[in-house]
Amino acid sequence: MSEGVEQAETRWDAQPAQQVETLAERVARMERELAALRDTSQMEQNLAAKVMTRIQESVPNGFAGSSDGGSLVPASLFHAMLPAVAARAVSGAPGLSAAWSLLAQWREFRLIFRMYFDPRYRLSRVAQFGGPVILGLMVLNYFTFSFWSVPILAPIFERVILILLALTLYKILSREALRYDEVLKYLSRYGH
């Protein structure tokens, strides 16, 4: 009887070794598949090919789908209009009036004003120190050139320097306003 028990024990010992080998093979296969998944370029190409074949199968021959998703346009007309649509998308809408840019400027100035009084937003160091330094340089510019007694050159240099300082201040504040707008979009998106 003890011999039969020993044989059963040896069989039992042999069985987990086979299970461990199959488990090791399964883990190795899973690692290979995960490594293949990390390179998503092949998956993306396969997905793009599938989408393109479905699009081409769903549109009748000689027609192209329009941007509204429902109507069909003859392919020749679609391809003839494509360069104009692409140029318009790149250059922006050409028919905008000056009022639109004034509205954009007004929105930007409102953002700049709100940016300074929003306790949730921390200004960058350039905006924190650059703005007051440039304003101080503008005041210093006024006092420097008011005492300089060259009749024609003093007012010209004063205004040129003032314009350069104003442009620099505007550039700093507009970049900071863009940052602030992104922060506002983030806060509205995630509800903070």
N, C-alpha and C. Protein backbone atom coordinates (compact mmCIF):
# COMPACT_ATOMS: atom_id res chain seq x y z
N MET A 1 0.78 -1.18 0.00
CA MET A 1 0.00 0.00 0.00
C MET A 1 0.83 1.26 0.00
N SER A 2 1.89 1.23 0.74
CA SER A 2 2.73 2.41 0.78
C SER A 2 3.36 2.67 -0.57
N GLU A 3 3.60 1.62 -1.36
CA GLU A 3 4.15 1.84 -2.68
C GLU A 3 3.14 2.55 -3.58
N GLY A 4 1.87 2.21 -3.45
CA GLY A 4 0.82 2.85 -4.24
C GLY A 4 0.67 4.32 -3.85
N VAL A 5 0.84 4.60 -2.56
CA VAL A 5 0.73 5.98 -2.10
C VAL A 5 1.90 6.79 -2.64
N GLU A 6 3.11 6.19 -2.62
CA GLU A 6 4.27 6.90 -3.14
C GLU A 6 4.12 7.18 -4.63
N GLN A 7 3.55 6.23 -5.36
CA GLN A 7 3.35 6.46 -6.78
C GLN A 7 2.35 7.59 -7.01
N ALA A 8 1.31 7.62 -6.17
CA ALA A 8 0.33 8.69 -6.32
C ALA A 8 0.96 10.04 -6.00
N GLU A 9 1.86 10.02 -4.99
CA GLU A 9 2.53 11.27 -4.63
C GLU A 9 3.46 11.72 -5.75
N THR A 10 4.13 10.80 -6.40
CA THR A 10 5.00 11.20 -7.48
C THR A 10 4.19 11.71 -8.67
N ARG A 11 3.04 11.09 -8.90
CA ARG A 11 2.19 11.60 -9.95
C ARG A 11 1.71 13.01 -9.61
N TRP A 12 1.36 13.20 -8.36
CA TRP A 12 0.90 14.54 -7.93
C TRP A 12 2.02 15.56 -8.11
N ASP A 13 3.25 15.18 -7.78
CA ASP A 13 4.37 16.08 -7.94
C ASP A 13 4.62 16.38 -9.43
N ALA A 14 4.38 15.42 -10.29
CA ALA A 14 4.61 15.62 -11.71
C ALA A 14 3.55 16.55 -12.32
N GLN A 15 2.34 16.49 -11.81
CA GLN A 15 1.27 17.29 -12.37
C GLN A 15 1.48 18.79 -12.16
N PRO A 16 1.84 19.31 -10.99
CA PRO A 16 2.06 20.75 -10.84
C PRO A 16 3.21 21.25 -11.70
N ALA A 17 4.21 20.43 -11.93
CA ALA A 17 5.31 20.89 -12.77
C ALA A 17 4.81 21.16 -14.18
N GLN A 18 3.93 20.29 -14.67
CA GLN A 18 3.36 20.53 -15.99
C GLN A 18 2.48 21.78 -15.97
N GLN A 19 1.72 21.97 -14.89
CA GLN A 19 0.88 23.15 -14.78
C GLN A 19 1.73 24.41 -14.71
N VAL A 20 2.84 24.35 -14.00
CA VAL A 20 3.73 25.51 -13.90
C VAL A 20 4.32 25.83 -15.27
N GLU A 21 4.69 24.81 -16.02
CA GLU A 21 5.22 25.06 -17.35
C GLU A 21 4.16 25.70 -18.24
N THR A 22 2.96 25.21 -18.19
CA THR A 22 1.93 25.82 -19.02
C THR A 22 1.62 27.23 -18.54
N LEU A 23 1.66 27.45 -17.24
CA LEU A 23 1.43 28.80 -16.72
C LEU A 23 2.56 29.73 -17.15
N ALA A 24 3.79 29.25 -17.11
CA ALA A 24 4.92 30.07 -17.55
C ALA A 24 4.81 30.39 -19.04
N GLU A 25 4.37 29.40 -19.82
CA GLU A 25 4.18 29.65 -21.25
C GLU A 25 3.08 30.68 -21.48
N ARG A 26 2.00 30.58 -20.70
CA ARG A 26 0.90 31.54 -20.84
C ARG A 26 1.34 32.95 -20.47
N VAL A 27 2.12 33.06 -19.40
CA VAL A 27 2.61 34.38 -18.98
C VAL A 27 3.56 34.94 -20.04
N ALA A 28 4.42 34.10 -20.59
CA ALA A 28 5.34 34.56 -21.64
C ALA A 28 4.57 35.01 -22.88
N ARG A 29 3.52 34.24 -23.24
CA ARG A 29 2.71 34.63 -24.39
C ARG A 29 2.00 35.96 -24.13
N MET A 30 1.47 36.13 -22.91
CA MET A 30 0.80 37.38 -22.57
C MET A 30 1.78 38.55 -22.59
N GLU A 31 3.01 38.35 -22.13
CA GLU A 31 4.02 39.41 -22.17
C GLU A 31 4.34 39.78 -23.62
N ARG A 32 4.44 38.78 -24.51
CA ARG A 32 4.71 39.07 -25.91
C ARG A 32 3.56 39.87 -26.53
N GLU A 33 2.33 39.51 -26.20
CA GLU A 33 1.17 40.23 -26.74
C GLU A 33 1.12 41.66 -26.21
N LEU A 34 1.44 41.84 -24.93
CA LEU A 34 1.47 43.19 -24.37
C LEU A 34 2.57 44.03 -25.01
N ALA A 35 3.70 43.41 -25.26
CA ALA A 35 4.78 44.14 -25.93
C ALA A 35 4.36 44.53 -27.34
N ALA A 36 3.61 43.67 -28.00
CA ALA A 36 3.12 44.00 -29.34
C ALA A 36 2.08 45.10 -29.29
N LEU A 37 1.31 45.17 -28.21
CA LEU A 37 0.30 46.22 -28.08
C LEU A 37 0.92 47.59 -27.85
N ARG A 38 2.10 47.63 -27.30
CA ARG A 38 2.76 48.91 -27.05
C ARG A 38 3.07 49.63 -28.35
N ASP A 39 3.35 48.88 -29.39
CA ASP A 39 3.57 49.49 -30.70
C ASP A 39 2.21 49.63 -31.37
N THR A 40 1.59 50.78 -31.17
CA THR A 40 0.22 50.98 -31.64
C THR A 40 0.15 51.44 -33.08
N SER A 41 1.28 51.70 -33.70
CA SER A 41 1.24 52.20 -35.07
C SER A 41 0.60 51.19 -36.01
N GLN A 42 0.90 49.91 -35.83
CA GLN A 42 0.30 48.88 -36.68
C GLN A 42 -1.20 48.80 -36.44
N MET A 43 -1.62 48.89 -35.17
CA MET A 43 -3.06 48.86 -34.86
C MET A 43 -3.76 50.07 -35.47
N GLU A 44 -3.12 51.23 -35.39
CA GLU A 44 -3.71 52.45 -35.95
C GLU A 44 -3.84 52.34 -37.46
N GLN A 45 -2.83 51.78 -38.12
CA GLN A 45 -2.90 51.61 -39.57
C GLN A 45 -4.02 50.64 -39.95
N ASN A 46 -4.16 49.55 -39.19
CA ASN A 46 -5.24 48.59 -39.46
C ASN A 46 -6.60 49.25 -39.27
N LEU A 47 -6.75 50.03 -38.21
CA LEU A 47 -8.01 50.71 -37.95
C LEU A 47 -8.32 51.73 -39.05
N ALA A 48 -7.32 52.48 -39.46
CA ALA A 48 -7.53 53.46 -40.53
C ALA A 48 -7.91 52.76 -41.83
N ALA A 49 -7.29 51.63 -42.12
CA ALA A 49 -7.63 50.89 -43.34
C ALA A 49 -9.07 50.38 -43.28
N LYS A 50 -9.49 49.88 -42.11
CA LYS A 50 -10.87 49.41 -41.96
C LYS A 50 -11.86 50.55 -42.13
N VAL A 51 -11.57 51.69 -41.54
CA VAL A 51 -12.47 52.85 -41.66
C VAL A 51 -12.56 53.30 -43.11
N MET A 52 -11.43 53.36 -43.79
CA MET A 52 -11.43 53.80 -45.19
C MET A 52 -12.22 52.83 -46.07
N THR A 53 -12.09 51.52 -45.83
CA THR A 53 -12.86 50.57 -46.64
C THR A 53 -14.35 50.71 -46.36
N ARG A 54 -14.73 50.93 -45.11
CA ARG A 54 -16.15 51.12 -44.80
C ARG A 54 -16.69 52.40 -45.44
N ILE A 55 -15.91 53.45 -45.42
CA ILE A 55 -16.35 54.71 -46.03
C ILE A 55 -16.51 54.52 -47.53
N GLN A 56 -15.54 53.88 -48.15
CA GLN A 56 -15.60 53.69 -49.59
C GLN A 56 -16.73 52.74 -49.99
N GLU A 57 -17.05 51.77 -49.13
CA GLU A 57 -18.13 50.84 -49.44
C GLU A 57 -19.49 51.52 -49.29
N SER A 58 -19.62 52.46 -48.35
CA SER A 58 -20.93 53.05 -48.07
C SER A 58 -21.31 54.13 -49.08
N VAL A 59 -20.34 54.75 -49.76
CA VAL A 59 -20.63 55.82 -50.72
C VAL A 59 -20.74 55.20 -52.11
N PRO A 60 -21.81 55.51 -52.85
CA PRO A 60 -21.93 54.97 -54.21
C PRO A 60 -20.79 55.44 -55.10
N ASN A 61 -20.53 54.68 -56.15
CA ASN A 61 -19.44 54.99 -57.07
C ASN A 61 -19.69 56.34 -57.75
N GLY A 62 -18.67 57.21 -57.74
CA GLY A 62 -18.78 58.51 -58.38
C GLY A 62 -19.28 59.60 -57.45
N PHE A 63 -19.57 59.28 -56.19
CA PHE A 63 -20.04 60.27 -55.24
C PHE A 63 -19.12 60.30 -54.03
N ALA A 64 -19.13 61.43 -53.32
CA ALA A 64 -18.35 61.58 -52.09
C ALA A 64 -19.28 62.12 -51.02
N GLY A 65 -19.06 61.71 -49.78
CA GLY A 65 -19.89 62.18 -48.67
C GLY A 65 -19.55 63.62 -48.34
N SER A 66 -20.56 64.40 -47.98
CA SER A 66 -20.31 65.79 -47.61
C SER A 66 -20.07 65.89 -46.12
N SER A 67 -19.73 67.08 -45.66
CA SER A 67 -19.37 67.26 -44.26
C SER A 67 -20.57 67.16 -43.33
N ASP A 68 -21.80 67.32 -43.85
CA ASP A 68 -22.95 67.23 -42.96
C ASP A 68 -23.36 65.79 -42.70
N GLY A 69 -22.73 64.85 -43.38
CA GLY A 69 -22.93 63.45 -43.08
C GLY A 69 -24.11 62.81 -43.78
N GLY A 70 -25.01 63.57 -44.38
CA GLY A 70 -26.19 62.98 -44.96
C GLY A 70 -26.24 63.07 -46.47
N SER A 71 -25.88 64.17 -47.03
CA SER A 71 -26.03 64.35 -48.47
C SER A 71 -24.81 63.86 -49.21
N LEU A 72 -25.01 63.56 -50.48
CA LEU A 72 -23.92 63.09 -51.33
C LEU A 72 -23.64 64.12 -52.40
N VAL A 73 -22.37 64.26 -52.73
CA VAL A 73 -21.93 65.23 -53.73
C VAL A 73 -21.16 64.45 -54.79
N PRO A 74 -21.29 64.79 -56.06
CA PRO A 74 -20.46 64.13 -57.07
C PRO A 74 -18.98 64.29 -56.73
N ALA A 75 -18.23 63.21 -56.89
CA ALA A 75 -16.83 63.20 -56.49
C ALA A 75 -16.02 64.26 -57.22
N SER A 76 -16.33 64.51 -58.50
CA SER A 76 -15.56 65.52 -59.25
C SER A 76 -15.76 66.90 -58.65
N LEU A 77 -17.00 67.22 -58.23
CA LEU A 77 -17.27 68.51 -57.60
C LEU A 77 -16.59 68.59 -56.24
N PHE A 78 -16.63 67.49 -55.50
CA PHE A 78 -16.00 67.45 -54.18
C PHE A 78 -14.50 67.71 -54.30
N HIS A 79 -13.84 67.03 -55.23
CA HIS A 79 -12.39 67.21 -55.39
C HIS A 79 -12.05 68.57 -55.98
N ALA A 80 -12.94 69.15 -56.76
CA ALA A 80 -12.70 70.49 -57.30
C ALA A 80 -12.79 71.55 -56.20
N MET A 81 -13.67 71.33 -55.22
CA MET A 81 -13.85 72.30 -54.14
C MET A 81 -12.83 72.12 -53.02
N LEU A 82 -12.17 70.99 -52.95
CA LEU A 82 -11.29 70.69 -51.84
C LEU A 82 -10.16 71.69 -51.65
N PRO A 83 -9.43 72.15 -52.69
CA PRO A 83 -8.37 73.14 -52.46
C PRO A 83 -8.90 74.45 -51.88
N ALA A 84 -10.06 74.89 -52.33
CA ALA A 84 -10.62 76.15 -51.81
C ALA A 84 -11.01 76.00 -50.35
N VAL A 85 -11.57 74.85 -50.00
CA VAL A 85 -11.96 74.62 -48.60
C VAL A 85 -10.72 74.56 -47.72
N ALA A 86 -9.67 73.89 -48.21
CA ALA A 86 -8.44 73.79 -47.43
C ALA A 86 -7.79 75.16 -47.27
N ALA A 87 -7.77 75.97 -48.31
CA ALA A 87 -7.17 77.30 -48.21
C ALA A 87 -7.95 78.17 -47.24
N ARG A 88 -9.26 78.06 -47.25
CA ARG A 88 -10.08 78.85 -46.33
C ARG A 88 -9.84 78.42 -44.89
N ALA A 89 -9.67 77.10 -44.68
CA ALA A 89 -9.43 76.61 -43.32
C ALA A 89 -8.08 77.07 -42.81
N VAL A 90 -7.08 77.13 -43.68
CA VAL A 90 -5.75 77.56 -43.26
C VAL A 90 -5.70 79.05 -42.99
N SER A 91 -6.28 79.85 -43.87
CA SER A 91 -6.18 81.30 -43.73
C SER A 91 -7.19 81.88 -42.76
N GLY A 92 -8.17 81.12 -42.34
CA GLY A 92 -9.23 81.65 -41.50
C GLY A 92 -10.31 82.22 -42.39
N ALA A 93 -11.36 82.68 -41.79
CA ALA A 93 -12.46 83.24 -42.58
C ALA A 93 -12.07 84.60 -43.10
N PRO A 94 -11.99 84.81 -44.42
CA PRO A 94 -11.49 86.07 -44.95
C PRO A 94 -12.48 87.21 -44.84
N GLY A 95 -13.77 86.94 -44.67
CA GLY A 95 -14.76 87.99 -44.69
C GLY A 95 -15.04 88.63 -43.34
N LEU A 96 -14.17 88.45 -42.39
CA LEU A 96 -14.42 89.02 -41.07
C LEU A 96 -14.23 90.52 -41.08
N SER A 97 -15.10 91.20 -40.39
CA SER A 97 -15.00 92.66 -40.33
C SER A 97 -14.08 93.07 -39.19
N ALA A 98 -13.79 94.36 -39.11
CA ALA A 98 -12.93 94.87 -38.05
C ALA A 98 -13.60 94.76 -36.69
N ALA A 99 -14.94 94.70 -36.68
CA ALA A 99 -15.64 94.58 -35.40
C ALA A 99 -15.30 93.27 -34.72
N TRP A 100 -15.07 92.23 -35.51
CA TRP A 100 -14.73 90.95 -34.90
C TRP A 100 -13.40 91.05 -34.16
N SER A 101 -12.43 91.68 -34.75
CA SER A 101 -11.15 91.81 -34.07
C SER A 101 -11.28 92.73 -32.86
N LEU A 102 -12.15 93.73 -32.94
CA LEU A 102 -12.38 94.58 -31.77
C LEU A 102 -13.03 93.78 -30.65
N LEU A 103 -13.95 92.89 -31.00
CA LEU A 103 -14.55 92.04 -29.98
C LEU A 103 -13.52 91.10 -29.37
N ALA A 104 -12.63 90.58 -30.20
CA ALA A 104 -11.58 89.71 -29.68
C ALA A 104 -10.66 90.48 -28.75
N GLN A 105 -10.33 91.71 -29.13
CA GLN A 105 -9.48 92.54 -28.27
C GLN A 105 -10.19 92.85 -26.95
N TRP A 106 -11.47 93.17 -27.02
CA TRP A 106 -12.23 93.46 -25.81
C TRP A 106 -12.27 92.24 -24.89
N ARG A 107 -12.46 91.05 -25.48
CA ARG A 107 -12.48 89.82 -24.68
C ARG A 107 -11.12 89.60 -24.02
N GLU A 108 -10.06 89.88 -24.77
CA GLU A 108 -8.72 89.70 -24.21
C GLU A 108 -8.45 90.67 -23.07
N PHE A 109 -8.87 91.92 -23.22
CA PHE A 109 -8.69 92.89 -22.13
C PHE A 109 -9.52 92.50 -20.90
N ARG A 110 -10.72 91.97 -21.12
CA ARG A 110 -11.52 91.50 -19.99
C ARG A 110 -10.84 90.34 -19.29
N LEU A 111 -10.25 89.42 -20.08
CA LEU A 111 -9.51 88.30 -19.50
C LEU A 111 -8.33 88.79 -18.67
N ILE A 112 -7.61 89.78 -19.19
CA ILE A 112 -6.46 90.32 -18.47
C ILE A 112 -6.92 90.94 -17.15
N PHE A 113 -8.01 91.68 -17.18
CA PHE A 113 -8.52 92.30 -15.96
C PHE A 113 -8.95 91.24 -14.95
N ARG A 114 -9.71 90.22 -15.42
CA ARG A 114 -10.16 89.16 -14.52
C ARG A 114 -8.99 88.34 -13.99
N MET A 115 -7.95 88.20 -14.80
CA MET A 115 -6.80 87.40 -14.43
C MET A 115 -6.12 87.96 -13.18
N TYR A 116 -6.03 89.28 -13.07
CA TYR A 116 -5.35 89.89 -11.94
C TYR A 116 -6.16 89.77 -10.65
N PHE A 117 -7.47 89.60 -10.74
CA PHE A 117 -8.29 89.56 -9.53
C PHE A 117 -8.86 88.18 -9.23
N ASP A 118 -8.46 87.16 -9.96
CA ASP A 118 -8.92 85.80 -9.71
C ASP A 118 -7.99 85.15 -8.69
N PRO A 119 -8.51 84.79 -7.50
CA PRO A 119 -7.63 84.21 -6.47
C PRO A 119 -7.18 82.79 -6.81
N ARG A 120 -7.84 82.12 -7.76
CA ARG A 120 -7.45 80.75 -8.12
C ARG A 120 -6.25 80.71 -9.05
N TYR A 121 -5.94 81.83 -9.67
CA TYR A 121 -4.91 81.85 -10.71
C TYR A 121 -3.65 82.53 -10.20
N ARG A 122 -2.52 81.89 -10.42
CA ARG A 122 -1.24 82.47 -10.04
C ARG A 122 -0.52 82.93 -11.31
N LEU A 123 -0.17 84.20 -11.33
CA LEU A 123 0.52 84.75 -12.49
C LEU A 123 1.91 84.15 -12.62
N SER A 124 2.41 84.09 -13.83
CA SER A 124 3.78 83.66 -14.04
C SER A 124 4.72 84.76 -13.54
N ARG A 125 5.96 84.41 -13.34
CA ARG A 125 6.93 85.40 -12.83
C ARG A 125 7.13 86.55 -13.82
N VAL A 126 7.06 86.25 -15.10
CA VAL A 126 7.24 87.30 -16.10
C VAL A 126 6.11 88.32 -15.98
N ALA A 127 4.88 87.85 -15.81
CA ALA A 127 3.76 88.78 -15.68
C ALA A 127 3.76 89.47 -14.32
N GLN A 128 4.20 88.76 -13.28
CA GLN A 128 4.23 89.36 -11.94
C GLN A 128 5.21 90.52 -11.88
N PHE A 129 6.39 90.31 -12.42
CA PHE A 129 7.43 91.33 -12.30
C PHE A 129 7.60 92.16 -13.57
N GLY A 130 7.35 91.54 -14.73
CA GLY A 130 7.54 92.25 -15.99
C GLY A 130 6.58 93.39 -16.18
N GLY A 131 5.31 93.19 -15.83
CA GLY A 131 4.32 94.25 -15.98
C GLY A 131 4.66 95.49 -15.18
N PRO A 132 4.87 95.38 -13.86
CA PRO A 132 5.23 96.57 -13.09
C PRO A 132 6.56 97.20 -13.52
N VAL A 133 7.53 96.37 -13.92
CA VAL A 133 8.81 96.93 -14.36
C VAL A 133 8.61 97.74 -15.64
N ILE A 134 7.82 97.23 -16.56
CA ILE A 134 7.59 97.97 -17.81
C ILE A 134 6.81 99.25 -17.54
N LEU A 135 5.82 99.19 -16.65
CA LEU A 135 5.09 100.42 -16.29
C LEU A 135 6.03 101.43 -15.65
N GLY A 136 6.94 100.95 -14.80
CA GLY A 136 7.94 101.85 -14.20
C GLY A 136 8.86 102.45 -15.25
N LEU A 137 9.25 101.64 -16.23
CA LEU A 137 10.09 102.17 -17.31
C LEU A 137 9.34 103.20 -18.15
N MET A 138 8.03 103.02 -18.29
CA MET A 138 7.25 104.03 -19.02
C MET A 138 7.25 105.37 -18.28
N VAL A 139 7.09 105.31 -16.97
CA VAL A 139 7.12 106.54 -16.17
C VAL A 139 8.52 107.15 -16.22
N LEU A 140 9.54 106.31 -16.08
CA LEU A 140 10.92 106.79 -16.14
C LEU A 140 11.22 107.38 -17.51
N ASN A 141 10.68 106.80 -18.55
CA ASN A 141 10.84 107.32 -19.91
C ASN A 141 10.27 108.73 -20.00
N TYR A 142 9.10 108.94 -19.42
CA TYR A 142 8.48 110.27 -19.45
C TYR A 142 9.37 111.30 -18.75
N PHE A 143 9.85 110.95 -17.56
CA PHE A 143 10.67 111.91 -16.82
C PHE A 143 12.04 112.12 -17.47
N THR A 144 12.60 111.08 -18.04
CA THR A 144 13.91 111.21 -18.68
C THR A 144 13.85 112.14 -19.88
N PHE A 145 12.88 111.94 -20.73
CA PHE A 145 12.82 112.75 -21.95
C PHE A 145 12.18 114.11 -21.72
N SER A 146 11.51 114.32 -20.61
CA SER A 146 10.97 115.66 -20.35
C SER A 146 12.08 116.61 -19.93
N PHE A 147 13.18 116.08 -19.39
CA PHE A 147 14.30 116.94 -19.00
C PHE A 147 15.38 117.01 -20.08
N TRP A 148 15.26 116.19 -21.09
CA TRP A 148 16.24 116.20 -22.16
C TRP A 148 15.85 117.31 -23.13
N SER A 149 16.75 118.20 -23.41
CA SER A 149 16.37 119.43 -24.11
C SER A 149 16.71 119.44 -25.60
N VAL A 150 16.74 118.32 -26.25
CA VAL A 150 16.92 118.29 -27.70
C VAL A 150 15.53 118.41 -28.31
N PRO A 151 15.23 119.51 -29.00
CA PRO A 151 13.84 119.81 -29.38
C PRO A 151 13.18 118.78 -30.29
N ILE A 152 13.84 118.26 -31.28
CA ILE A 152 13.16 117.38 -32.24
C ILE A 152 13.34 115.91 -31.86
N LEU A 153 14.51 115.54 -31.39
CA LEU A 153 14.80 114.14 -31.12
C LEU A 153 14.13 113.63 -29.84
N ALA A 154 14.00 114.45 -28.83
CA ALA A 154 13.45 114.00 -27.55
C ALA A 154 12.03 113.46 -27.69
N PRO A 155 11.11 114.18 -28.31
CA PRO A 155 9.75 113.62 -28.43
C PRO A 155 9.69 112.37 -29.30
N ILE A 156 10.52 112.31 -30.33
CA ILE A 156 10.51 111.13 -31.21
C ILE A 156 11.02 109.91 -30.45
N PHE A 157 12.17 110.05 -29.77
CA PHE A 157 12.72 108.94 -29.00
C PHE A 157 11.78 108.53 -27.88
N GLU A 158 11.17 109.52 -27.24
CA GLU A 158 10.24 109.20 -26.15
C GLU A 158 9.09 108.34 -26.66
N ARG A 159 8.52 108.70 -27.78
CA ARG A 159 7.37 107.96 -28.30
C ARG A 159 7.78 106.59 -28.85
N VAL A 160 8.94 106.51 -29.47
CA VAL A 160 9.41 105.21 -29.98
C VAL A 160 9.63 104.25 -28.82
N ILE A 161 10.29 104.73 -27.78
CA ILE A 161 10.53 103.87 -26.61
C ILE A 161 9.22 103.51 -25.93
N LEU A 162 8.30 104.47 -25.84
CA LEU A 162 7.00 104.21 -25.23
C LEU A 162 6.22 103.16 -26.02
N ILE A 163 6.28 103.24 -27.34
CA ILE A 163 5.58 102.24 -28.17
C ILE A 163 6.20 100.86 -27.99
N LEU A 164 7.53 100.78 -27.95
CA LEU A 164 8.19 99.49 -27.75
C LEU A 164 7.84 98.90 -26.38
N LEU A 165 7.82 99.75 -25.36
CA LEU A 165 7.46 99.27 -24.02
C LEU A 165 6.00 98.82 -23.98
N ALA A 166 5.11 99.57 -24.64
CA ALA A 166 3.70 99.20 -24.65
C ALA A 166 3.48 97.88 -25.39
N LEU A 167 4.19 97.68 -26.50
CA LEU A 167 4.07 96.42 -27.23
C LEU A 167 4.59 95.25 -26.40
N THR A 168 5.69 95.47 -25.69
CA THR A 168 6.22 94.42 -24.83
C THR A 168 5.25 94.08 -23.71
N LEU A 169 4.67 95.11 -23.09
CA LEU A 169 3.68 94.88 -22.04
C LEU A 169 2.47 94.14 -22.58
N TYR A 170 2.00 94.54 -23.75
CA TYR A 170 0.85 93.87 -24.35
C TYR A 170 1.17 92.41 -24.65
N LYS A 171 2.36 92.14 -25.15
CA LYS A 171 2.74 90.76 -25.48
C LYS A 171 2.79 89.90 -24.22
N ILE A 172 3.35 90.44 -23.15
CA ILE A 172 3.41 89.70 -21.89
C ILE A 172 2.00 89.41 -21.38
N LEU A 173 1.16 90.43 -21.39
CA LEU A 173 -0.19 90.26 -20.85
C LEU A 173 -1.06 89.38 -21.74
N SER A 174 -0.87 89.44 -23.05
CA SER A 174 -1.69 88.59 -23.93
C SER A 174 -1.29 87.13 -23.79
N ARG A 175 -0.01 86.85 -23.62
CA ARG A 175 0.40 85.46 -23.39
C ARG A 175 -0.13 84.95 -22.06
N GLU A 176 -0.09 85.81 -21.07
CA GLU A 176 -0.62 85.43 -19.76
C GLU A 176 -2.14 85.23 -19.84
N ALA A 177 -2.82 86.04 -20.64
CA ALA A 177 -4.27 85.87 -20.81
C ALA A 177 -4.59 84.55 -21.50
N LEU A 178 -3.75 84.13 -22.45
CA LEU A 178 -3.95 82.83 -23.08
C LEU A 178 -3.80 81.71 -22.06
N ARG A 179 -2.79 81.83 -21.20
CA ARG A 179 -2.61 80.84 -20.13
C ARG A 179 -3.82 80.82 -19.21
N TYR A 180 -4.31 82.00 -18.86
CA TYR A 180 -5.46 82.12 -17.97
C TYR A 180 -6.70 81.53 -18.62
N ASP A 181 -6.87 81.73 -19.91
CA ASP A 181 -8.02 81.17 -20.61
C ASP A 181 -7.96 79.64 -20.59
N GLU A 182 -6.77 79.07 -20.78
CA GLU A 182 -6.62 77.62 -20.70
C GLU A 182 -6.95 77.12 -19.30
N VAL A 183 -6.53 77.85 -18.27
CA VAL A 183 -6.85 77.46 -16.90
C VAL A 183 -8.36 77.51 -16.67
N LEU A 184 -9.02 78.54 -17.17
CA LEU A 184 -10.47 78.63 -17.03
C LEU A 184 -11.17 77.48 -17.73
N LYS A 185 -10.69 77.11 -18.92
CA LYS A 185 -11.29 75.98 -19.63
C LYS A 185 -11.09 74.69 -18.85
N TYR A 186 -9.90 74.52 -18.27
CA TYR A 186 -9.63 73.34 -17.46
C TYR A 186 -10.54 73.30 -16.24
N LEU A 187 -10.67 74.44 -15.57
CA LEU A 187 -11.51 74.49 -14.38
C LEU A 187 -12.98 74.24 -14.71
N SER A 188 -13.44 74.76 -15.83
CA SER A 188 -14.84 74.53 -16.20
C SER A 188 -15.07 73.09 -16.64
N ARG A 189 -14.06 72.48 -17.25
CA ARG A 189 -14.19 71.11 -17.72
C ARG A 189 -14.24 70.13 -16.55
N TYR A 190 -13.39 70.34 -15.56
CA TYR A 190 -13.30 69.40 -14.45
C TYR A 190 -13.99 69.89 -13.19
N GLY A 191 -14.67 71.01 -13.26
CA GLY A 191 -15.52 71.48 -12.18
C GLY A 191 -14.82 71.87 -10.90
N HIS A 192 -13.65 72.44 -11.01
CA HIS A 192 -12.95 72.88 -9.79
C HIS A 192 -13.22 74.32 -9.53
